[in-house]
């Protein structure tokens, strides 16, 4: 029988922090913009930052596709895969993977954007960053690798607008913090 070697990602205990009791607590906001790139696209983003800067995204130019003014943007609750208590040494359930995601609707589009969204479906995977209405950019330097599928437009009847509903999901890397930075200038990015 082979020797099983188990190593842990956690090498030190957590720092002690005071829990905010007033308006100083962080409000990341809701997803309002998505930045997409082909999975094999390589960028020269600075490793000094947690996420690409506004200037770096601007320099990337035609290598990225920006969807802004997302309606009803939601950071979804994680989906957790686990093994049952009977399969663990201490009989407690154990998490083996976690999938995060965002969803929303694209409601402001023209025929050019419609055609671009159809072209995106040629890719089974994409790299994605998302920006919240509070100017926080999530996705680290490499973006999240997401499964890609944007369904065709829908319409919910009289008095409503046509829309593209979407849901992007990615596996959360264990024992890492999410690279994020805040800069209200992210909200000014355009294609």
C-alpha atoms as a PDB file:
ATOM      1  CA  UNK A   1       0.000   0.000   0.000  1.00  0.00           C
ATOM      2  CA  UNK A   2       1.300   3.471  -0.892  1.00  0.00           C
ATOM      3  CA  UNK A   3       2.111   6.008   1.799  1.00  0.00           C
ATOM      4  CA  UNK A   4      -0.354   8.878   1.722  1.00  0.00           C
ATOM      5  CA  UNK A   5       1.220  12.274   2.320  1.00  0.00           C
ATOM      6  CA  UNK A   6      -1.133  15.065   3.272  1.00  0.00           C
ATOM      7  CA  UNK A   7      -0.022  18.667   3.244  1.00  0.00           C
ATOM      8  CA  UNK A   8      -2.034  21.681   4.211  1.00  0.00           C
ATOM      9  CA  UNK A   9      -2.270  25.110   2.622  1.00  0.00           C
ATOM     10  CA  UNK A  10      -2.805  26.794   5.975  1.00  0.00           C
ATOM     11  CA  UNK A  11       0.571  27.427   7.600  1.00  0.00           C
ATOM     12  CA  UNK A  12      -0.350  30.108  10.126  1.00  0.00           C
ATOM     13  CA  UNK A  13      -3.402  31.028  12.126  1.00  0.00           C
ATOM     14  CA  UNK A  14      -5.557  34.039  11.270  1.00  0.00           C
ATOM     15  CA  UNK A  15      -4.606  37.558  12.256  1.00  0.00           C
ATOM     16  CA  UNK A  16      -6.802  39.138  14.901  1.00  0.00           C
ATOM     17  CA  UNK A  17      -9.061  41.856  13.513  1.00  0.00           C
ATOM     18  CA  UNK A  18     -11.665  44.062  15.099  1.00  0.00           C
ATOM     19  CA  UNK A  19     -15.098  43.476  13.581  1.00  0.00           C
ATOM     20  CA  UNK A  20     -16.567  46.764  12.255  1.00  0.00           C
ATOM     21  CA  UNK A  21     -19.645  47.882  14.139  1.00  0.00           C
ATOM     22  CA  UNK A  22     -20.526  50.942  12.068  1.00  0.00           C
ATOM     23  CA  UNK A  23     -20.603  52.075   8.445  1.00  0.00           C
ATOM     24  CA  UNK A  24     -16.908  51.202   8.007  1.00  0.00           C
ATOM     25  CA  UNK A  25     -17.720  47.626   6.982  1.00  0.00           C
ATOM     26  CA  UNK A  26     -17.065  46.709   3.344  1.00  0.00           C
ATOM     27  CA  UNK A  27     -19.891  46.718   0.829  1.00  0.00           C
ATOM     28  CA  UNK A  28     -18.606  45.162  -2.397  1.00  0.00           C
ATOM     29  CA  UNK A  29     -21.839  45.995  -4.231  1.00  0.00           C
ATOM     30  CA  UNK A  30     -23.407  43.933  -7.000  1.00  0.00           C
ATOM     31  CA  UNK A  31     -21.938  42.808 -10.351  1.00  0.00           C
ATOM     32  CA  UNK A  32     -22.479  45.557 -12.937  1.00  0.00           C
ATOM     33  CA  UNK A  33     -19.826  44.781 -15.583  1.00  0.00           C
ATOM     34  CA  UNK A  34     -18.214  41.660 -17.023  1.00  0.00           C
ATOM     35  CA  UNK A  35     -14.855  41.619 -18.836  1.00  0.00           C
ATOM     36  CA  UNK A  36     -14.285  38.541 -21.006  1.00  0.00           C
ATOM     37  CA  UNK A  37     -11.242  37.205 -22.877  1.00  0.00           C
ATOM     38  CA  UNK A  38     -10.470  34.051 -24.840  1.00  0.00           C
ATOM     39  CA  UNK A  39      -9.013  31.355 -22.561  1.00  0.00           C
ATOM     40  CA  UNK A  40      -5.639  31.278 -24.331  1.00  0.00           C
ATOM     41  CA  UNK A  41      -5.179  35.064 -24.448  1.00  0.00           C
ATOM     42  CA  UNK A  42      -1.992  36.174 -22.705  1.00  0.00           C
ATOM     43  CA  UNK A  43      -1.719  39.621 -21.201  1.00  0.00           C
ATOM     44  CA  UNK A  44       1.216  41.533 -19.788  1.00  0.00           C
ATOM     45  CA  UNK A  45      -0.497  42.615 -16.597  1.00  0.00           C
ATOM     46  CA  UNK A  46       1.761  43.817 -13.798  1.00  0.00           C
ATOM     47  CA  UNK A  47       2.239  41.305 -11.013  1.00  0.00           C
ATOM     48  CA  UNK A  48       2.486  44.203  -8.543  1.00  0.00           C
ATOM     49  CA  UNK A  49      -1.321  44.437  -8.535  1.00  0.00           C
ATOM     50  CA  UNK A  50      -3.981  42.026  -7.322  1.00  0.00           C
ATOM     51  CA  UNK A  51      -6.020  42.587 -10.488  1.00  0.00           C
ATOM     52  CA  UNK A  52      -5.287  44.364 -13.777  1.00  0.00           C
ATOM     53  CA  UNK A  53      -5.524  48.141 -13.573  1.00  0.00           C
ATOM     54  CA  UNK A  54      -7.928  50.207 -15.653  1.00  0.00           C
ATOM     55  CA  UNK A  55      -5.005  51.257 -17.867  1.00  0.00           C
ATOM     56  CA  UNK A  56      -3.977  47.619 -18.399  1.00  0.00           C
ATOM     57  CA  UNK A  57      -7.506  46.609 -19.413  1.00  0.00           C
ATOM     58  CA  UNK A  58      -7.594  49.612 -21.763  1.00  0.00           C
ATOM     59  CA  UNK A  59      -4.265  48.554 -23.323  1.00  0.00           C
ATOM     60  CA  UNK A  60      -5.657  45.019 -23.834  1.00  0.00           C
ATOM     61  CA  UNK A  61      -8.099  46.629 -26.301  1.00  0.00           C
ATOM     62  CA  UNK A  62      -9.491  44.156 -28.825  1.00  0.00           C
ATOM     63  CA  UNK A  63      -8.400  41.138 -26.762  1.00  0.00           C
ATOM     64  CA  UNK A  64     -11.232  41.713 -24.288  1.00  0.00           C
ATOM     65  CA  UNK A  65     -14.999  42.067 -24.574  1.00  0.00           C
ATOM     66  CA  UNK A  66     -16.769  44.259 -22.019  1.00  0.00           C
ATOM     67  CA  UNK A  67     -20.422  43.836 -21.077  1.00  0.00           C
ATOM     68  CA  UNK A  68     -21.502  46.787 -18.980  1.00  0.00           C
ATOM     69  CA  UNK A  69     -24.724  47.942 -17.421  1.00  0.00           C
ATOM     70  CA  UNK A  70     -25.707  44.464 -16.331  1.00  0.00           C
ATOM     71  CA  UNK A  71     -29.276  44.408 -15.032  1.00  0.00           C
ATOM     72  CA  UNK A  72     -30.074  42.434 -11.890  1.00  0.00           C
ATOM     73  CA  UNK A  73     -26.434  41.439 -11.341  1.00  0.00           C
ATOM     74  CA  UNK A  74     -26.134  38.858  -8.566  1.00  0.00           C
ATOM     75  CA  UNK A  75     -23.140  37.215  -6.862  1.00  0.00           C
ATOM     76  CA  UNK A  76     -24.613  33.761  -6.386  1.00  0.00           C
ATOM     77  CA  UNK A  77     -24.187  31.595  -3.319  1.00  0.00           C
ATOM     78  CA  UNK A  78     -21.434  29.001  -3.768  1.00  0.00           C
ATOM     79  CA  UNK A  79     -22.256  25.441  -4.773  1.00  0.00           C
ATOM     80  CA  UNK A  80     -20.308  23.008  -2.624  1.00  0.00           C
ATOM     81  CA  UNK A  81     -19.408  19.414  -3.489  1.00  0.00           C
ATOM     82  CA  UNK A  82     -18.576  17.256  -0.512  1.00  0.00           C
ATOM     83  CA  UNK A  83     -18.003  13.688   0.515  1.00  0.00           C
ATOM     84  CA  UNK A  84     -20.276  12.155   3.083  1.00  0.00           C
ATOM     85  CA  UNK A  85     -19.434  11.583   6.699  1.00  0.00           C
ATOM     86  CA  UNK A  86     -19.059   7.832   6.199  1.00  0.00           C
ATOM     87  CA  UNK A  87     -16.161   8.446   3.787  1.00  0.00           C
ATOM     88  CA  UNK A  88     -14.045  10.586   6.124  1.00  0.00           C
ATOM     89  CA  UNK A  89     -11.851   9.467   9.044  1.00  0.00           C
ATOM     90  CA  UNK A  90     -13.681  11.601  11.625  1.00  0.00           C
ATOM     91  CA  UNK A  91     -17.209  10.985  10.234  1.00  0.00           C
ATOM     92  CA  UNK A  92     -17.709  14.664   9.420  1.00  0.00           C
ATOM     93  CA  UNK A  93     -18.712  15.868   5.980  1.00  0.00           C
ATOM     94  CA  UNK A  94     -15.722  17.223   4.020  1.00  0.00           C
ATOM     95  CA  UNK A  95     -15.831  19.863   1.280  1.00  0.00           C
ATOM     96  CA  UNK A  96     -13.864  18.815  -1.819  1.00  0.00           C
ATOM     97  CA  UNK A  97     -14.722  21.658  -4.217  1.00  0.00           C
ATOM     98  CA  UNK A  98     -16.555  24.959  -4.327  1.00  0.00           C
ATOM     99  CA  UNK A  99     -18.064  26.665  -7.354  1.00  0.00           C
ATOM    100  CA  UNK A 100     -18.775  30.405  -7.340  1.00  0.00           C
ATOM    101  CA  UNK A 101     -20.715  32.399  -9.895  1.00  0.00           C
ATOM    102  CA  UNK A 102     -22.495  35.534 -10.996  1.00  0.00           C
ATOM    103  CA  UNK A 103     -25.671  35.993 -12.986  1.00  0.00           C
ATOM    104  CA  UNK A 104     -27.602  38.828 -14.529  1.00  0.00           C
ATOM    105  CA  UNK A 105     -29.232  40.139 -17.663  1.00  0.00           C
ATOM    106  CA  UNK A 106     -27.862  42.068 -20.613  1.00  0.00           C
ATOM    107  CA  UNK A 107     -30.674  44.467 -21.500  1.00  0.00           C
ATOM    108  CA  UNK A 108     -28.898  47.191 -23.467  1.00  0.00           C
ATOM    109  CA  UNK A 109     -27.738  45.773 -26.776  1.00  0.00           C
ATOM    110  CA  UNK A 110     -27.936  46.357 -30.512  1.00  0.00           C
ATOM    111  CA  UNK A 111     -27.506  43.947 -33.434  1.00  0.00           C
ATOM    112  CA  UNK A 112     -23.687  44.285 -33.310  1.00  0.00           C
ATOM    113  CA  UNK A 113     -23.597  43.221 -29.660  1.00  0.00           C
ATOM    114  CA  UNK A 114     -26.157  40.496 -30.410  1.00  0.00           C
ATOM    115  CA  UNK A 115     -23.819  39.089 -33.094  1.00  0.00           C
ATOM    116  CA  UNK A 116     -20.798  39.360 -30.783  1.00  0.00           C
ATOM    117  CA  UNK A 117     -22.626  37.430 -28.055  1.00  0.00           C
ATOM    118  CA  UNK A 118     -23.382  34.664 -30.553  1.00  0.00           C
ATOM    119  CA  UNK A 119     -19.694  34.564 -31.570  1.00  0.00           C
ATOM    120  CA  UNK A 120     -18.677  34.203 -27.909  1.00  0.00           C
ATOM    121  CA  UNK A 121     -20.515  30.886 -27.820  1.00  0.00           C
ATOM    122  CA  UNK A 122     -17.788  29.479 -30.116  1.00  0.00           C
ATOM    123  CA  UNK A 123     -15.666  29.290 -26.961  1.00  0.00           C
ATOM    124  CA  UNK A 124     -16.452  26.578 -24.435  1.00  0.00           C
ATOM    125  CA  UNK A 125     -14.325  28.405 -21.847  1.00  0.00           C
ATOM    126  CA  UNK A 126     -13.521  32.074 -21.293  1.00  0.00           C
ATOM    127  CA  UNK A 127     -11.471  34.143 -18.860  1.00  0.00           C
ATOM    128  CA  UNK A 128     -13.649  36.539 -16.874  1.00  0.00           C
ATOM    129  CA  UNK A 129     -13.323  39.431 -14.464  1.00  0.00           C
ATOM    130  CA  UNK A 130     -16.308  41.222 -13.015  1.00  0.00           C
ATOM    131  CA  UNK A 131     -16.683  44.730 -11.649  1.00  0.00           C
ATOM    132  CA  UNK A 132     -19.274  45.757  -9.080  1.00  0.00           C
ATOM    133  CA  UNK A 133     -21.234  49.003  -8.936  1.00  0.00           C
ATOM    134  CA  UNK A 134     -18.905  50.049  -6.076  1.00  0.00           C
ATOM    135  CA  UNK A 135     -15.838  49.841  -8.364  1.00  0.00           C
ATOM    136  CA  UNK A 136     -14.408  46.541  -7.081  1.00  0.00           C
ATOM    137  CA  UNK A 137     -12.801  44.324  -9.733  1.00  0.00           C
ATOM    138  CA  UNK A 138     -12.693  40.564  -9.025  1.00  0.00           C
ATOM    139  CA  UNK A 139     -10.789  37.851 -10.873  1.00  0.00           C
ATOM    140  CA  UNK A 140      -7.139  38.289  -9.959  1.00  0.00           C
ATOM    141  CA  UNK A 141      -4.482  38.736 -12.632  1.00  0.00           C
ATOM    142  CA  UNK A 142      -5.594  35.777 -14.758  1.00  0.00           C
ATOM    143  CA  UNK A 143      -9.381  36.087 -14.521  1.00  0.00           C
ATOM    144  CA  UNK A 144     -11.691  33.228 -13.602  1.00  0.00           C
ATOM    145  CA  UNK A 145     -11.817  30.337 -16.064  1.00  0.00           C
ATOM    146  CA  UNK A 146     -15.542  29.975 -16.687  1.00  0.00           C
ATOM    147  CA  UNK A 147     -17.727  27.603 -18.594  1.00  0.00           C
ATOM    148  CA  UNK A 148     -19.272  29.704 -21.295  1.00  0.00           C
ATOM    149  CA  UNK A 149     -22.777  29.725 -22.608  1.00  0.00           C
ATOM    150  CA  UNK A 150     -24.917  32.774 -23.243  1.00  0.00           C
ATOM    151  CA  UNK A 151     -28.445  31.729 -24.234  1.00  0.00           C
ATOM    152  CA  UNK A 152     -30.417  33.496 -26.932  1.00  0.00           C
ATOM    153  CA  UNK A 153     -32.445  36.568 -26.019  1.00  0.00           C
ATOM    154  CA  UNK A 154     -35.732  36.259 -24.163  1.00  0.00           C
ATOM    155  CA  UNK A 155     -38.684  38.546 -23.634  1.00  0.00           C
ATOM    156  CA  UNK A 156     -41.038  38.376 -20.651  1.00  0.00           C
ATOM    157  CA  UNK A 157     -44.047  39.957 -22.341  1.00  0.00           C
ATOM    158  CA  UNK A 158     -45.657  43.343 -22.707  1.00  0.00           C
ATOM    159  CA  UNK A 159     -43.988  46.164 -20.804  1.00  0.00           C
ATOM    160  CA  UNK A 160     -40.637  44.396 -20.554  1.00  0.00           C
ATOM    161  CA  UNK A 161     -37.408  44.639 -22.552  1.00  0.00           C
ATOM    162  CA  UNK A 162     -35.659  41.952 -24.537  1.00  0.00           C
ATOM    163  CA  UNK A 163     -32.713  40.547 -22.595  1.00  0.00           C
ATOM    164  CA  UNK A 164     -29.899  38.033 -22.598  1.00  0.00           C
ATOM    165  CA  UNK A 165     -29.924  36.185 -19.267  1.00  0.00           C
ATOM    166  CA  UNK A 166     -26.522  34.761 -18.312  1.00  0.00           C
ATOM    167  CA  UNK A 167     -24.868  32.759 -15.579  1.00  0.00           C
ATOM    168  CA  UNK A 168     -21.099  32.358 -15.318  1.00  0.00           C
ATOM    169  CA  UNK A 169     -19.616  29.819 -12.893  1.00  0.00           C
ATOM    170  CA  UNK A 170     -16.048  28.937 -11.921  1.00  0.00           C
ATOM    171  CA  UNK A 171     -14.268  26.676  -9.455  1.00  0.00           C
ATOM    172  CA  UNK A 172     -12.904  28.543  -6.490  1.00  0.00           C
ATOM    173  CA  UNK A 173      -9.273  27.673  -5.872  1.00  0.00           C
ATOM    174  CA  UNK A 174      -8.877  26.283  -2.336  1.00  0.00           C
ATOM    175  CA  UNK A 175      -6.870  28.142   0.282  1.00  0.00           C
ATOM    176  CA  UNK A 176      -6.442  31.318  -1.751  1.00  0.00           C
ATOM    177  CA  UNK A 177      -7.871  34.747  -1.306  1.00  0.00           C
ATOM    178  CA  UNK A 178      -9.651  36.385  -4.201  1.00  0.00           C
ATOM    179  CA  UNK A 179      -7.576  39.064  -5.892  1.00  0.00           C
ATOM    180  CA  UNK A 180      -9.622  42.263  -5.855  1.00  0.00           C
ATOM    181  CA  UNK A 181      -9.049  45.984  -5.973  1.00  0.00           C
ATOM    182  CA  UNK A 182     -11.287  49.047  -5.883  1.00  0.00           C
ATOM    183  CA  UNK A 183     -11.104  51.852  -8.429  1.00  0.00           C
ATOM    184  CA  UNK A 184     -14.222  53.708  -9.557  1.00  0.00           C
ATOM    185  CA  UNK A 185     -12.527  54.214 -12.954  1.00  0.00           C
ATOM    186  CA  UNK A 186     -13.276  50.534 -13.730  1.00  0.00           C
ATOM    187  CA  UNK A 187     -16.867  51.628 -14.285  1.00  0.00           C
ATOM    188  CA  UNK A 188     -15.762  53.796 -17.230  1.00  0.00           C
ATOM    189  CA  UNK A 189     -14.292  50.884 -19.242  1.00  0.00           C
ATOM    190  CA  UNK A 190     -15.837  50.408 -22.678  1.00  0.00           C
ATOM    191  CA  UNK A 191     -15.137  48.301 -25.767  1.00  0.00           C
END
